[in-house]
Every structure is written in structure tokens, then in C-alpha cells.
Amino acid sequence: MNPPTRIIRPRYIYCHKREDGKPTPLLKDYTGYCIERFVSEFPSVGLYICPGESLELEQTPGWINDVIFAAVKRAGGRSSR
């Protein structure tokens, strides 16, 4: 088994019996919710997006577009791509 990516905490992997270390729909929803709340409460603060070296390369575009940018848009913020 390859070591799981660090975007997912070891406790989450253990509790949800995940072995592949890939983000789940629950984790995507939770992360999106947190970003959405942050942007709503601090609209003048920008986000510096760094998906991290531990996120597998093929997951990076989807994570940025489907989780981060989508949450910013839901919060009424704007993203500059």
C-alpha cells in the first residue's frame, strides 16, 4: 500500500476505512463548506491556492476547480483564473 496523501488526515482514513488516500465526496463537501464560510465571513481576504505536494497530480485540477473555486463562487466571491 502506498502512503496516503496528506490532504487526508490519518484519523479520517482510519475511521472511514480508506486505504487509497484519495479525497472522498464527504471530504470534498467539508472542505468546500469551510472555504465557503471563510469567504463569506472575510470577503476582502484573498486565497492563495496551493494544493500541496501531497495531492496526486491528476487530482489537482479537479480539486481546485470543483472544490475551491466552486466554494468561492457559492459564497458570492469571484475567482481569477
Protein backbone atom coordinates (compact mmCIF):
# COMPACT_ATOMS: atom_id res chain seq x y z
CA MET A 1 0.00 0.00 0.00
CA ASN A 2 1.30 3.44 -0.93
CA PRO A 3 1.33 6.02 1.83
CA PRO A 4 -1.88 8.08 1.73
CA THR A 5 -1.73 11.66 0.60
CA ARG A 6 -1.51 14.17 3.43
CA ILE A 7 -4.58 16.07 2.27
CA ILE A 8 -6.49 13.43 4.23
CA ARG A 9 -5.71 13.11 7.91
CA PRO A 10 -4.66 9.66 9.12
CA ARG A 11 -7.56 9.54 11.60
CA TYR A 12 -10.07 10.18 8.79
CA ILE A 13 -8.51 7.39 6.72
CA TYR A 14 -8.71 5.02 9.69
CA CYS A 15 -12.29 5.91 10.71
CA HIS A 16 -13.62 5.72 7.15
CA LYS A 17 -11.59 2.62 6.30
CA ARG A 18 -9.88 4.27 3.35
CA GLU A 19 -6.72 2.72 2.00
CA ASP A 20 -6.17 4.67 -1.20
CA GLY A 21 -5.78 8.10 0.43
CA LYS A 22 -7.88 9.80 -2.26
CA PRO A 23 -10.33 12.55 -1.30
CA THR A 24 -13.89 11.32 -0.78
CA PRO A 25 -17.13 13.17 -1.56
CA LEU A 26 -17.53 13.81 2.18
CA LEU A 27 -14.07 15.38 2.38
CA LYS A 28 -14.73 17.49 -0.71
CA ASP A 29 -18.04 18.70 0.74
CA TYR A 30 -16.44 19.53 4.10
CA THR A 31 -13.52 21.38 2.54
CA GLY A 32 -15.85 23.28 0.21
CA TYR A 33 -18.08 24.23 3.14
CA CYS A 34 -15.10 25.54 5.14
CA ILE A 35 -13.85 27.63 2.22
CA GLU A 36 -17.35 28.92 1.52
CA ARG A 37 -17.78 30.04 5.15
CA PHE A 38 -14.34 31.66 5.19
CA VAL A 39 -15.02 33.65 2.01
CA SER A 40 -18.46 34.67 3.30
CA GLU A 41 -17.10 35.92 6.62
CA PHE A 42 -13.91 37.51 5.26
CA PRO A 43 -14.82 38.74 1.76
CA SER A 44 -11.87 41.11 1.47
CA VAL A 45 -9.27 38.43 2.23
CA GLY A 46 -7.83 36.65 -0.78
CA LEU A 47 -6.98 33.00 -1.07
CA TYR A 48 -3.56 31.76 -2.08
CA ILE A 49 -4.19 28.38 -3.64
CA CYS A 50 -1.56 25.75 -3.20
CA PRO A 51 -2.99 22.24 -3.50
CA GLY A 52 0.13 20.85 -1.87
CA GLU A 53 2.77 18.48 -2.98
CA SER A 54 0.93 15.57 -1.41
CA LEU A 55 -2.14 15.80 -3.66
CA GLU A 56 -1.70 13.47 -6.59
CA LEU A 57 -1.11 15.40 -9.80
CA GLU A 58 -4.14 14.01 -11.63
CA GLN A 59 -6.41 15.13 -8.75
CA THR A 60 -5.12 18.71 -8.59
CA PRO A 61 -7.18 20.38 -11.37
CA GLY A 62 -10.42 18.78 -10.19
CA TRP A 63 -9.74 19.72 -6.56
CA ILE A 64 -9.03 23.34 -7.44
CA ASN A 65 -11.96 23.74 -9.85
CA ASP A 66 -14.60 21.52 -8.26
CA VAL A 67 -13.89 22.24 -4.60
CA ILE A 68 -12.06 25.53 -4.12
CA PHE A 69 -13.37 27.69 -7.00
CA ALA A 70 -16.88 26.27 -6.64
CA ALA A 71 -16.95 27.19 -2.94
CA VAL A 72 -15.74 30.72 -3.65
CA LYS A 73 -18.47 31.16 -6.28
CA ARG A 74 -21.17 29.82 -3.93
CA ALA A 75 -20.05 32.35 -1.33
CA GLY A 76 -20.51 35.17 -3.83
CA GLY A 77 -16.80 35.72 -4.28
CA ARG A 78 -15.00 35.86 -7.54
CA SER A 79 -12.13 33.76 -8.72
CA SER A 80 -9.48 34.92 -11.15
CA ARG A 81 -8.26 32.01 -13.21
